[in-house]
Every structure is written in structure tokens, then in C-alpha cells.
């Protein structure tokens, strides 16, 4: 604190010193004028007299003034020059001190900010430790609270500009979905499913166009997760840098995963490598938009008995890629593209896919605007009634 106040006091002293110099210069000029006036008066009269005006003949005041003024002016000019020089030096010192004061203030502010930043980081990391413990708690309500707290912590990290720490928080939420949890009762199993549904719902809220804090460029790792219950990614936006990885995931009986109206934009990647869609599960991309340079891959995925993966009214736009290479379509599975739009330049391919007996891949009322899926039927428009062709 003393360092910060020192320059201010020094400026006051410099100002007082300058005023003293100006006052001294004025007094000097007046003194020179008086001495010159008196001296010339003595010259005009008898030098032995101490007071020239006591003689019978004494000098005129006007003439003495005309003689004394130039002398005083000369001395006053010299004094003014000296004062000006001193004033210039004083001004330079004042500017220097002002700059020093500003630098000290800026340094002190930066130090305070740095200290506050470190304290905030420590506080957020302490929160992380507490929240992570909540997510591992035996009580489902505590785990639910932990989900919202971890999401809020990720938002706070993003607000601070620390996206790496925010990604760590998101990774923890995804890890909960990936990690099997041993449950002893059906009530515990249902409660655990609700926690998992809450996680995907919170993630989806952050993937909306109007989200207060967006996660649309983050990574979401659901590899080898076992999905049960209902998981909605409705109207989510997956933007450049976003990676959603369902590789090796299993979508089990009664599971509903919904991508209603979702947008897969340039630079995003969504992977279903080796994923399994099992009996009774439904995965819907109703009205989804696959835009330029997005990549959605079902490489080696397995579509098993009675599963349904549907793309009704989906739009496959120019230069998007939605691929099913080496995918297996097994008995009674259904993969459908009703009313979908395949626009020029889109690439939807079933290269080396295996279509087993009684599976159905259909394109009812699909619109092929110079774009179409490539598969066993070749590079042209696929059979609208589905593939493989009916045995009837």
C-alpha cells in the first residue's frame, strides 16, 4: 500500500515546489526592479545621500521607472527561463511519476486478479471432488443432484475459458452412462436408469441452439455403454469439433434413443462403430438434418431381431456422409428411410453390408434429388419397397 501512495505524495511535493519557484521568481523581479530604481536614483543625485529624494533636486519617478523596467524585465525573463526549465523538468518528473503510479496500480490489479483466479480454480476443483463423490453415492437422489452439479461446474469452467476442465466434467457424466452399476432390486435398477436418462437430457439441453452455455463442440464418449430407458437428443446441434461416440454400445430391449430434429453440422462426427441394436429397441432420426461434411458412421454395426432404426423425413444434404459399411442386418430388423431426402452430393452407402433373411431396409416415399444410397442395388435409386427384394 505504501508503494502505491508514494508517487501521489511526490506529485504534491513537486507541485508545491513549482509554486514556490514561481513565487520566488516574482519576488526576484520585484526586488531587481526596486534595486535598479534605487540605484539609478542614486546615480542622478549625490551618491552620499541614502535617500535621493531628500535633496532639493531629485530624479523623476517616470524617468527612473523607464530605466529600471528594462533591467527588471531582463532579469525577469532570465528568471522565467529558469523557471520554465525547472517547470519542464518538474512536468517530466510528474509524467514519470504518473506512469509509475499507473504501472504500480496495474501490477497490483494483475496480482489481485491472478490471486483471485487461483483461488477460483482451487474452489472449482474442490467442488469437483465433492460432486464426483455424489455421483458415486448409493442413494439415487444424491446421484441426481450430482448430475446437475457436475453440469453446472462444466458451465463455470467454460465461463472462465477453461474448456479442458469443462471437458473433464462432461467425461465424468458420460462415464456414468458407460459404467455398469450393480443393483440389487428392480427399484434400484429403475432409479439408476432415471439417473442415466437425466444425464442425456442435461447434455441435450446444452446442445440446443439457444443454450446459455453450449456444449456443441465437445466430445461425448458413450463407447460400450448399455442403453436402457428413454434418451432424447431432440433438436440437438452437433457442430464442428463435436464427437459423439457410440462405438460398441448396445441399445437394448425397450430402449428409445431419439434424435428428433437434430442437426449434424460441418465437422461433427457421430460414430456407431460395432454398435448393436437389439430386440425391441428403437432409434429414431425423425426430421434430422445431415449437413455438409458431417460424418455419421455405422461401420460394422449389428441390427438384430425386431430392432427399429428409422430416418423418417431426414435430410441428407450435399457432401454429408452416413455410412453402413460391413453392417449386418439380421432377421426381422427394420431400417427405414420414409419420406427422407437424398440431395445431390450426399453419400449414404451400404458397402459390403450383409442383409440376412427377413430383414428390411426400405425407402418408402423417399425423394432422390440426384442423390441416393449406394448398396447392393448399385449406384442408382434403391428399391422403394425395401431391400432385400421380397421373395414373393
Protein backbone atom coordinates (compact mmCIF):
# COMPACT_ATOMS: atom_id res chain seq x y z
CA UNK A 1 0.00 0.00 0.00
CA UNK A 2 2.87 2.42 0.80
CA UNK A 3 4.31 1.90 -2.69
CA UNK A 4 1.01 2.84 -4.26
CA UNK A 5 0.65 6.10 -2.22
CA UNK A 6 4.28 7.25 -2.54
CA UNK A 7 4.01 8.66 -6.10
CA UNK A 8 0.85 10.58 -5.18
CA UNK A 9 2.63 12.32 -2.29
CA UNK A 10 5.64 13.02 -4.51
CA UNK A 11 3.41 14.74 -7.05
CA UNK A 12 2.04 17.02 -4.35
CA UNK A 13 5.56 17.94 -3.26
CA UNK A 14 6.60 18.68 -6.84
CA UNK A 15 3.57 20.92 -7.31
CA UNK A 16 4.28 22.85 -4.11
CA UNK A 17 7.92 23.24 -5.10
CA UNK A 18 6.92 24.61 -8.51
CA UNK A 19 4.61 27.20 -7.00
CA UNK A 20 7.37 28.20 -4.61
CA UNK A 21 9.71 28.69 -7.56
CA UNK A 22 7.17 30.87 -9.37
CA UNK A 23 6.61 32.98 -6.25
CA UNK A 24 10.38 33.31 -5.77
CA UNK A 25 10.78 34.45 -9.40
CA UNK A 26 8.12 37.11 -8.94
CA UNK A 27 9.75 38.36 -5.75
CA UNK A 28 13.14 38.38 -7.52
CA UNK A 29 11.80 40.55 -10.34
CA UNK A 30 10.24 42.95 -7.87
CA UNK A 31 13.46 43.10 -5.88
CA UNK A 32 15.54 43.73 -9.03
CA UNK A 33 13.17 46.49 -10.07
CA UNK A 34 13.42 48.10 -6.63
CA UNK A 35 17.22 47.87 -6.55
CA UNK A 36 17.54 49.24 -10.11
CA UNK A 37 15.09 52.02 -9.35
CA UNK A 38 17.02 53.00 -6.24
CA UNK A 39 20.43 52.64 -7.91
CA UNK A 40 19.56 54.90 -10.84
CA UNK A 41 18.10 57.40 -8.39
CA UNK A 42 21.39 57.44 -6.51
CA UNK A 43 23.32 58.00 -9.73
CA UNK A 44 21.16 61.01 -10.63
CA UNK A 45 21.73 62.60 -7.23
CA UNK A 46 24.58 62.81 -4.78
CA UNK A 47 25.93 59.31 -4.09
CA UNK A 48 26.47 60.17 -0.44
CA UNK A 49 22.78 60.53 0.22
CA UNK A 50 20.94 57.50 1.48
CA UNK A 51 17.62 58.81 0.30
CA UNK A 52 17.89 60.59 -3.02
CA UNK A 53 14.52 62.28 -2.75
CA UNK A 54 15.60 64.31 0.26
CA UNK A 55 17.73 66.56 -1.98
CA UNK A 56 16.43 69.79 -3.42
CA UNK A 57 16.73 68.27 -6.82
CA UNK A 58 15.73 64.62 -7.08
CA UNK A 59 15.19 62.30 -10.01
CA UNK A 60 11.77 61.99 -11.60
CA UNK A 61 9.82 58.87 -10.92
CA UNK A 62 8.81 58.40 -14.55
CA UNK A 63 12.35 58.54 -15.87
CA UNK A 64 13.62 56.18 -13.18
CA UNK A 65 10.84 53.73 -13.99
CA UNK A 66 11.70 53.79 -17.71
CA UNK A 67 15.30 53.00 -16.85
CA UNK A 68 14.57 50.32 -14.21
CA UNK A 69 11.86 48.42 -16.09
CA UNK A 70 14.14 47.03 -18.86
CA UNK A 71 16.64 45.85 -16.27
CA UNK A 72 13.89 44.19 -14.27
CA UNK A 73 12.40 42.74 -17.46
CA UNK A 74 15.77 41.34 -18.46
CA UNK A 75 16.27 39.75 -15.09
CA UNK A 76 12.62 38.62 -15.03
CA UNK A 77 13.00 37.00 -18.47
CA UNK A 78 16.05 35.12 -17.30
CA UNK A 79 14.15 34.06 -14.20
CA UNK A 80 11.21 32.98 -16.37
CA UNK A 81 13.54 30.90 -18.50
CA UNK A 82 14.98 29.28 -15.43
CA UNK A 83 11.50 28.67 -14.00
CA UNK A 84 10.34 27.29 -17.35
CA UNK A 85 13.22 24.88 -17.45
CA UNK A 86 12.53 23.84 -13.89
CA UNK A 87 8.85 23.55 -14.71
CA UNK A 88 9.59 21.35 -17.72
CA UNK A 89 11.72 19.13 -15.58
CA UNK A 90 9.02 19.09 -12.96
CA UNK A 91 6.43 18.15 -15.60
CA UNK A 92 8.62 15.35 -16.88
CA UNK A 93 9.03 14.07 -13.35
CA UNK A 94 5.27 14.32 -12.83
CA UNK A 95 4.62 12.35 -16.02
CA UNK A 96 7.19 9.80 -14.96
CA UNK A 97 5.63 9.51 -11.54
CA UNK A 98 2.15 9.25 -13.06
CA UNK A 99 3.33 6.44 -15.33
CA UNK A 100 4.96 4.76 -12.36
CA UNK A 101 1.72 5.09 -10.39
CA UNK A 102 -0.27 3.61 -13.26
CA UNK A 103 2.17 0.73 -13.60
CA UNK A 104 2.09 0.04 -9.87
CA UNK A 105 -1.72 0.11 -9.95
CA UNK A 106 -1.83 -2.19 -12.99
CA UNK A 107 0.65 -4.59 -11.42
CA UNK A 108 -1.32 -4.63 -8.18
CA UNK A 109 -4.57 -5.26 -10.11
CA UNK A 110 -2.99 -8.05 -12.16
CA UNK A 111 -1.64 -9.61 -8.99
CA UNK A 112 -5.07 -9.43 -7.36
CA UNK A 113 -6.68 -10.93 -10.45
CA UNK A 114 -4.12 -13.71 -10.59
CA UNK A 115 -4.59 -14.43 -6.92
CA UNK A 116 -8.39 -14.39 -7.33
CA UNK A 117 -8.08 -16.67 -10.39
CA UNK A 118 -6.02 -19.19 -8.44
CA UNK A 119 -8.50 -19.08 -5.59
CA UNK A 120 -11.40 -19.59 -8.03
CA UNK A 121 -9.63 -22.53 -9.68
CA UNK A 122 -8.99 -24.11 -6.28
CA UNK A 123 -12.62 -23.58 -5.35
CA UNK A 124 -13.90 -25.18 -8.58
CA UNK A 125 -11.58 -28.14 -8.13
CA UNK A 126 -12.82 -28.61 -4.58
CA UNK A 127 -16.35 -28.60 -5.98
CA UNK A 128 -15.35 -31.27 -8.49
CA UNK A 129 -14.11 -33.58 -5.73
CA UNK A 130 -17.35 -33.16 -3.79
CA UNK A 131 -19.57 -33.67 -6.85
CA UNK A 132 -17.68 -36.75 -8.03
CA UNK A 133 -18.36 -38.30 -4.63
CA UNK A 134 -22.08 -37.52 -5.08
CA UNK A 135 -22.16 -39.40 -8.39
CA UNK A 136 -20.81 -42.46 -6.61
CA UNK A 137 -23.31 -42.30 -3.77
CA UNK A 138 -25.63 -45.24 -3.08
CA UNK A 139 -28.72 -43.01 -2.99
CA UNK A 140 -30.18 -42.17 -6.40
CA UNK A 141 -31.40 -38.69 -5.35
CA UNK A 142 -27.85 -37.78 -4.31
CA UNK A 143 -26.56 -39.02 -7.66
CA UNK A 144 -29.20 -36.95 -9.48
CA UNK A 145 -28.08 -33.86 -7.60
CA UNK A 146 -24.52 -34.73 -8.59
CA UNK A 147 -25.52 -34.78 -12.29
CA UNK A 148 -26.86 -31.23 -12.20
CA UNK A 149 -23.95 -30.03 -10.06
CA UNK A 150 -21.38 -31.51 -12.47
CA UNK A 151 -23.11 -29.86 -15.44
CA UNK A 152 -23.11 -26.51 -13.62
CA UNK A 153 -19.41 -26.96 -12.87
CA UNK A 154 -18.70 -27.59 -16.55
CA UNK A 155 -20.56 -24.36 -17.38
CA UNK A 156 -18.48 -22.44 -14.84
CA UNK A 157 -15.24 -23.76 -16.35
CA UNK A 158 -16.41 -22.67 -19.82
CA UNK A 159 -17.28 -19.22 -18.46
CA UNK A 160 -13.70 -18.99 -17.17
CA UNK A 161 -12.43 -20.01 -20.61
CA UNK A 162 -11.05 -23.34 -19.37
CA UNK A 163 -12.55 -25.79 -21.86
CA UNK A 164 -10.20 -28.60 -20.89
CA UNK A 165 -11.57 -28.74 -17.34
CA UNK A 166 -15.12 -28.46 -18.72
CA UNK A 167 -14.46 -31.49 -20.94
CA UNK A 168 -13.32 -33.42 -17.85
CA UNK A 169 -16.70 -32.75 -16.21
CA UNK A 170 -18.54 -33.90 -19.35
CA UNK A 171 -16.36 -37.02 -19.50
CA UNK A 172 -17.40 -37.90 -15.93
CA UNK A 173 -21.09 -37.66 -16.86
CA UNK A 174 -20.55 -39.85 -19.92
CA UNK A 175 -18.51 -42.30 -17.84
CA UNK A 176 -21.51 -42.79 -15.55
CA UNK A 177 -23.55 -43.97 -18.55
CA UNK A 178 -20.71 -46.23 -19.73
CA UNK A 179 -20.16 -47.85 -16.33
CA UNK A 180 -22.44 -50.76 -15.35
CA UNK A 181 -23.92 -50.37 -11.88
CA UNK A 182 -24.77 -53.33 -9.71
CA UNK A 183 -28.36 -53.09 -8.49
CA UNK A 184 -29.99 -55.49 -6.06
CA UNK A 185 -33.65 -54.60 -6.61
CA UNK A 186 -35.83 -53.59 -9.52
CA UNK A 187 -36.42 -50.25 -7.79
CA UNK A 188 -32.67 -49.60 -7.74
CA UNK A 189 -32.43 -50.53 -11.43
CA UNK A 190 -35.23 -48.13 -12.36
CA UNK A 191 -33.70 -45.36 -10.26
CA UNK A 192 -30.32 -45.88 -11.94
CA UNK A 193 -31.97 -45.70 -15.37
CA UNK A 194 -33.55 -42.39 -14.38
CA UNK A 195 -30.12 -41.01 -13.47
CA UNK A 196 -28.78 -42.05 -16.89
CA UNK A 197 -31.77 -40.50 -18.65
CA UNK A 198 -31.16 -37.29 -16.72
CA UNK A 199 -27.56 -37.19 -17.93
CA UNK A 200 -28.52 -37.40 -21.60
CA UNK A 201 -31.29 -34.85 -21.02
CA UNK A 202 -28.83 -32.40 -19.41
CA UNK A 203 -26.39 -32.94 -22.28
CA UNK A 204 -29.13 -32.30 -24.83
CA UNK A 205 -30.13 -29.07 -23.07
CA UNK A 206 -26.58 -27.84 -23.68
CA UNK A 207 -26.75 -28.83 -27.35
CA UNK A 208 -29.70 -26.57 -28.16
CA UNK A 209 -29.28 -23.57 -30.45
CA UNK A 210 -30.36 -21.19 -27.65
CA UNK A 211 -28.40 -22.88 -24.86
CA UNK A 212 -26.97 -20.38 -22.37
CA UNK A 213 -23.72 -22.34 -22.35
CA UNK A 214 -23.15 -24.50 -25.42
CA UNK A 215 -21.50 -27.92 -25.44
CA UNK A 216 -22.00 -28.37 -29.20
CA UNK A 217 -18.26 -28.54 -29.87
CA UNK A 218 -17.46 -31.02 -27.09
CA UNK A 219 -16.79 -34.76 -27.10
CA UNK A 220 -19.26 -37.30 -25.68
CA UNK A 221 -17.88 -40.77 -25.11
CA UNK A 222 -20.56 -43.46 -24.83
CA UNK A 223 -18.36 -46.33 -26.04
CA UNK A 224 -19.62 -49.77 -24.98
CA UNK A 225 -22.44 -48.23 -22.96
CA UNK A 226 -25.61 -50.30 -22.46
CA UNK A 227 -28.61 -48.09 -23.11
CA UNK A 228 -31.94 -48.78 -21.45
CA UNK A 229 -34.83 -46.41 -20.91
CA UNK A 230 -35.53 -43.30 -22.94
CA UNK A 231 -32.76 -40.99 -24.14
CA UNK A 232 -33.66 -37.91 -26.12
CA UNK A 233 -31.30 -35.82 -28.22
CA UNK A 234 -34.20 -33.84 -29.73
CA UNK A 235 -33.16 -30.72 -31.70
CA UNK A 236 -29.57 -31.11 -30.62
CA UNK A 237 -26.89 -29.37 -32.67
CA UNK A 238 -23.65 -31.23 -33.24
CA UNK A 239 -21.16 -28.65 -34.53
CA UNK A 240 -17.56 -28.56 -35.68
CA UNK A 241 -15.29 -30.31 -33.23
CA UNK A 242 -18.12 -32.32 -31.72
CA UNK A 243 -17.54 -36.06 -31.41
CA UNK A 244 -20.30 -38.36 -30.21
CA UNK A 245 -19.02 -41.90 -29.90
CA UNK A 246 -21.43 -44.84 -29.53
CA UNK A 247 -18.84 -47.39 -30.69
CA UNK A 248 -19.58 -50.82 -29.27
CA UNK A 249 -22.68 -49.51 -27.48
CA UNK A 250 -25.74 -51.73 -27.02
CA UNK A 251 -29.27 -50.45 -27.41
CA UNK A 252 -31.37 -52.97 -25.53
CA UNK A 253 -34.99 -54.05 -25.27
CA UNK A 254 -37.36 -51.23 -24.51
CA UNK A 255 -34.70 -48.62 -25.18
CA UNK A 256 -35.68 -45.50 -27.12
CA UNK A 257 -32.98 -43.16 -28.42
CA UNK A 258 -34.44 -40.18 -30.22
CA UNK A 259 -32.60 -37.68 -32.46
CA UNK A 260 -35.78 -35.85 -33.49
CA UNK A 261 -34.89 -32.71 -35.49
CA UNK A 262 -31.20 -32.98 -34.62
CA UNK A 263 -28.66 -31.23 -36.84
CA UNK A 264 -25.36 -32.81 -37.70
CA UNK A 265 -23.27 -29.91 -38.97
CA UNK A 266 -19.94 -29.46 -40.71
CA UNK A 267 -17.05 -31.04 -38.89
CA UNK A 268 -19.05 -33.14 -36.43
CA UNK A 269 -18.51 -36.89 -36.06
CA UNK A 270 -21.03 -39.41 -34.75
CA UNK A 271 -19.82 -42.99 -34.59
CA UNK A 272 -21.78 -46.19 -34.13
CA UNK A 273 -18.83 -48.48 -34.96
CA UNK A 274 -19.76 -52.02 -33.96
CA UNK A 275 -22.85 -50.85 -32.08
CA UNK A 276 -25.64 -53.38 -31.51
CA UNK A 277 -29.29 -52.55 -31.90
CA UNK A 278 -31.09 -55.35 -30.10
CA UNK A 279 -34.60 -56.74 -29.98
CA UNK A 280 -37.22 -54.20 -29.08
CA UNK A 281 -35.01 -51.10 -29.23
CA UNK A 282 -35.91 -48.04 -31.29
CA UNK A 283 -33.51 -45.40 -32.57
CA UNK A 284 -35.16 -42.55 -34.46
CA UNK A 285 -33.67 -39.75 -36.57
CA UNK A 286 -37.06 -38.21 -37.43
CA UNK A 287 -36.54 -34.95 -39.32
CA UNK A 288 -32.80 -34.94 -38.62
CA UNK A 289 -30.54 -32.91 -40.91
CA UNK A 290 -27.23 -34.31 -42.04
CA UNK A 291 -25.42 -31.26 -43.40
CA UNK A 292 -22.27 -30.63 -45.39
CA UNK A 293 -19.17 -32.53 -44.28
CA UNK A 294 -20.77 -34.21 -41.28
CA UNK A 295 -19.87 -37.88 -40.72
CA UNK A 296 -22.24 -40.46 -39.21
CA UNK A 297 -20.82 -43.96 -39.34
CA UNK A 298 -22.43 -47.33 -38.63
CA UNK A 299 -19.35 -49.34 -39.66
CA UNK A 300 -19.83 -52.95 -38.61
CA UNK A 301 -22.99 -52.20 -36.65
CA UNK A 302 -25.44 -55.03 -35.96
CA UNK A 303 -29.14 -54.54 -36.43
CA UNK A 304 -30.72 -57.51 -34.66
CA UNK A 305 -34.17 -59.09 -34.49
CA UNK A 306 -37.07 -56.68 -34.13
CA UNK A 307 -34.93 -53.59 -33.69
CA UNK A 308 -36.02 -50.41 -35.46
CA UNK A 309 -33.68 -47.71 -36.70
CA UNK A 310 -35.63 -45.10 -38.63
CA UNK A 311 -34.81 -41.92 -40.59
CA UNK A 312 -38.30 -40.57 -41.43
CA UNK A 313 -38.21 -37.18 -43.19
CA UNK A 314 -34.48 -36.93 -42.59
CA UNK A 315 -32.49 -34.73 -44.98
CA UNK A 316 -29.18 -35.91 -46.33
CA UNK A 317 -27.63 -32.78 -47.76
CA UNK A 318 -24.68 -32.13 -50.05
CA UNK A 319 -21.37 -33.70 -49.02
CA UNK A 320 -22.74 -35.34 -45.89
CA UNK A 321 -21.72 -38.92 -45.25
CA UNK A 322 -23.89 -41.51 -43.50
CA UNK A 323 -22.31 -44.91 -43.93
CA UNK A 324 -23.21 -48.51 -43.14
CA UNK A 325 -20.15 -50.41 -44.44
CA UNK A 326 -20.00 -54.06 -43.30
CA UNK A 327 -23.11 -53.56 -41.19
CA UNK A 328 -25.23 -56.65 -40.51
CA UNK A 329 -28.96 -56.50 -40.93
CA UNK A 330 -30.35 -59.58 -39.23
CA UNK A 331 -33.72 -61.32 -39.19
CA UNK A 332 -36.76 -59.11 -38.64
CA UNK A 333 -34.76 -55.92 -38.12
CA UNK A 334 -36.08 -52.80 -39.78
CA UNK A 335 -34.06 -49.84 -41.02
CA UNK A 336 -36.25 -47.36 -42.86
CA UNK A 337 -35.96 -44.02 -44.66
CA UNK A 338 -39.60 -43.00 -45.29
CA UNK A 339 -40.01 -39.54 -46.83
CA UNK A 340 -36.28 -38.95 -46.50
CA UNK A 341 -34.50 -36.59 -48.89
CA UNK A 342 -31.28 -37.62 -50.55
CA UNK A 343 -29.81 -34.48 -52.10
CA UNK A 344 -27.09 -34.11 -54.69
CA UNK A 345 -23.64 -34.89 -53.38
CA UNK A 346 -24.74 -36.74 -50.25
CA UNK A 347 -23.08 -40.08 -49.64
CA UNK A 348 -25.12 -42.77 -47.93
CA UNK A 349 -23.64 -46.17 -48.59
CA UNK A 350 -24.14 -49.77 -47.60
CA UNK A 351 -20.81 -51.00 -48.96
CA UNK A 352 -20.23 -54.65 -48.14
CA UNK A 353 -23.26 -54.70 -45.81
CA UNK A 354 -24.87 -58.06 -45.10
CA UNK A 355 -28.63 -58.34 -45.47
CA UNK A 356 -29.96 -61.53 -43.86
CA UNK A 357 -33.29 -63.23 -44.34
CA UNK A 358 -36.38 -61.27 -43.39
CA UNK A 359 -34.53 -58.04 -42.55
CA UNK A 360 -35.98 -54.95 -44.19
CA UNK A 361 -34.22 -51.77 -45.34
CA UNK A 362 -36.82 -49.63 -47.05
CA UNK A 363 -37.10 -46.23 -48.72
CA UNK A 364 -40.88 -45.64 -48.83
CA UNK A 365 -41.69 -42.29 -50.47
CA UNK A 366 -38.07 -41.20 -50.27
CA UNK A 367 -37.04 -38.31 -52.52
CA UNK A 368 -33.89 -38.77 -54.56
CA UNK A 369 -32.72 -35.32 -55.69
CA UNK A 370 -29.73 -36.58 -57.68
CA UNK A 371 -28.56 -38.29 -54.54
CA UNK A 372 -29.24 -41.85 -53.38
CA UNK A 373 -27.85 -44.56 -51.15
CA UNK A 374 -25.29 -46.86 -52.67
CA UNK A 375 -25.66 -50.56 -51.94
CA UNK A 376 -26.18 -54.00 -53.46
CA UNK A 377 -28.63 -52.42 -55.88
CA UNK A 378 -25.79 -50.32 -57.32
CA UNK A 379 -25.38 -46.56 -57.60
CA UNK A 380 -28.93 -45.85 -58.68
CA UNK A 381 -32.15 -45.40 -56.81
CA UNK A 382 -32.73 -48.33 -54.38
CA UNK A 383 -35.96 -50.36 -54.41
CA UNK A 384 -38.54 -48.21 -52.65
CA UNK A 385 -40.25 -51.27 -51.19
CA UNK A 386 -37.02 -52.23 -49.46
CA UNK A 387 -34.03 -54.47 -49.61
CA UNK A 388 -33.63 -57.42 -49.97
CA UNK A 389 -36.33 -57.83 -52.61
CA UNK A 390 -39.39 -59.71 -51.45
CA UNK A 391 -39.31 -63.46 -52.11
CA UNK A 392 -42.97 -63.39 -53.20
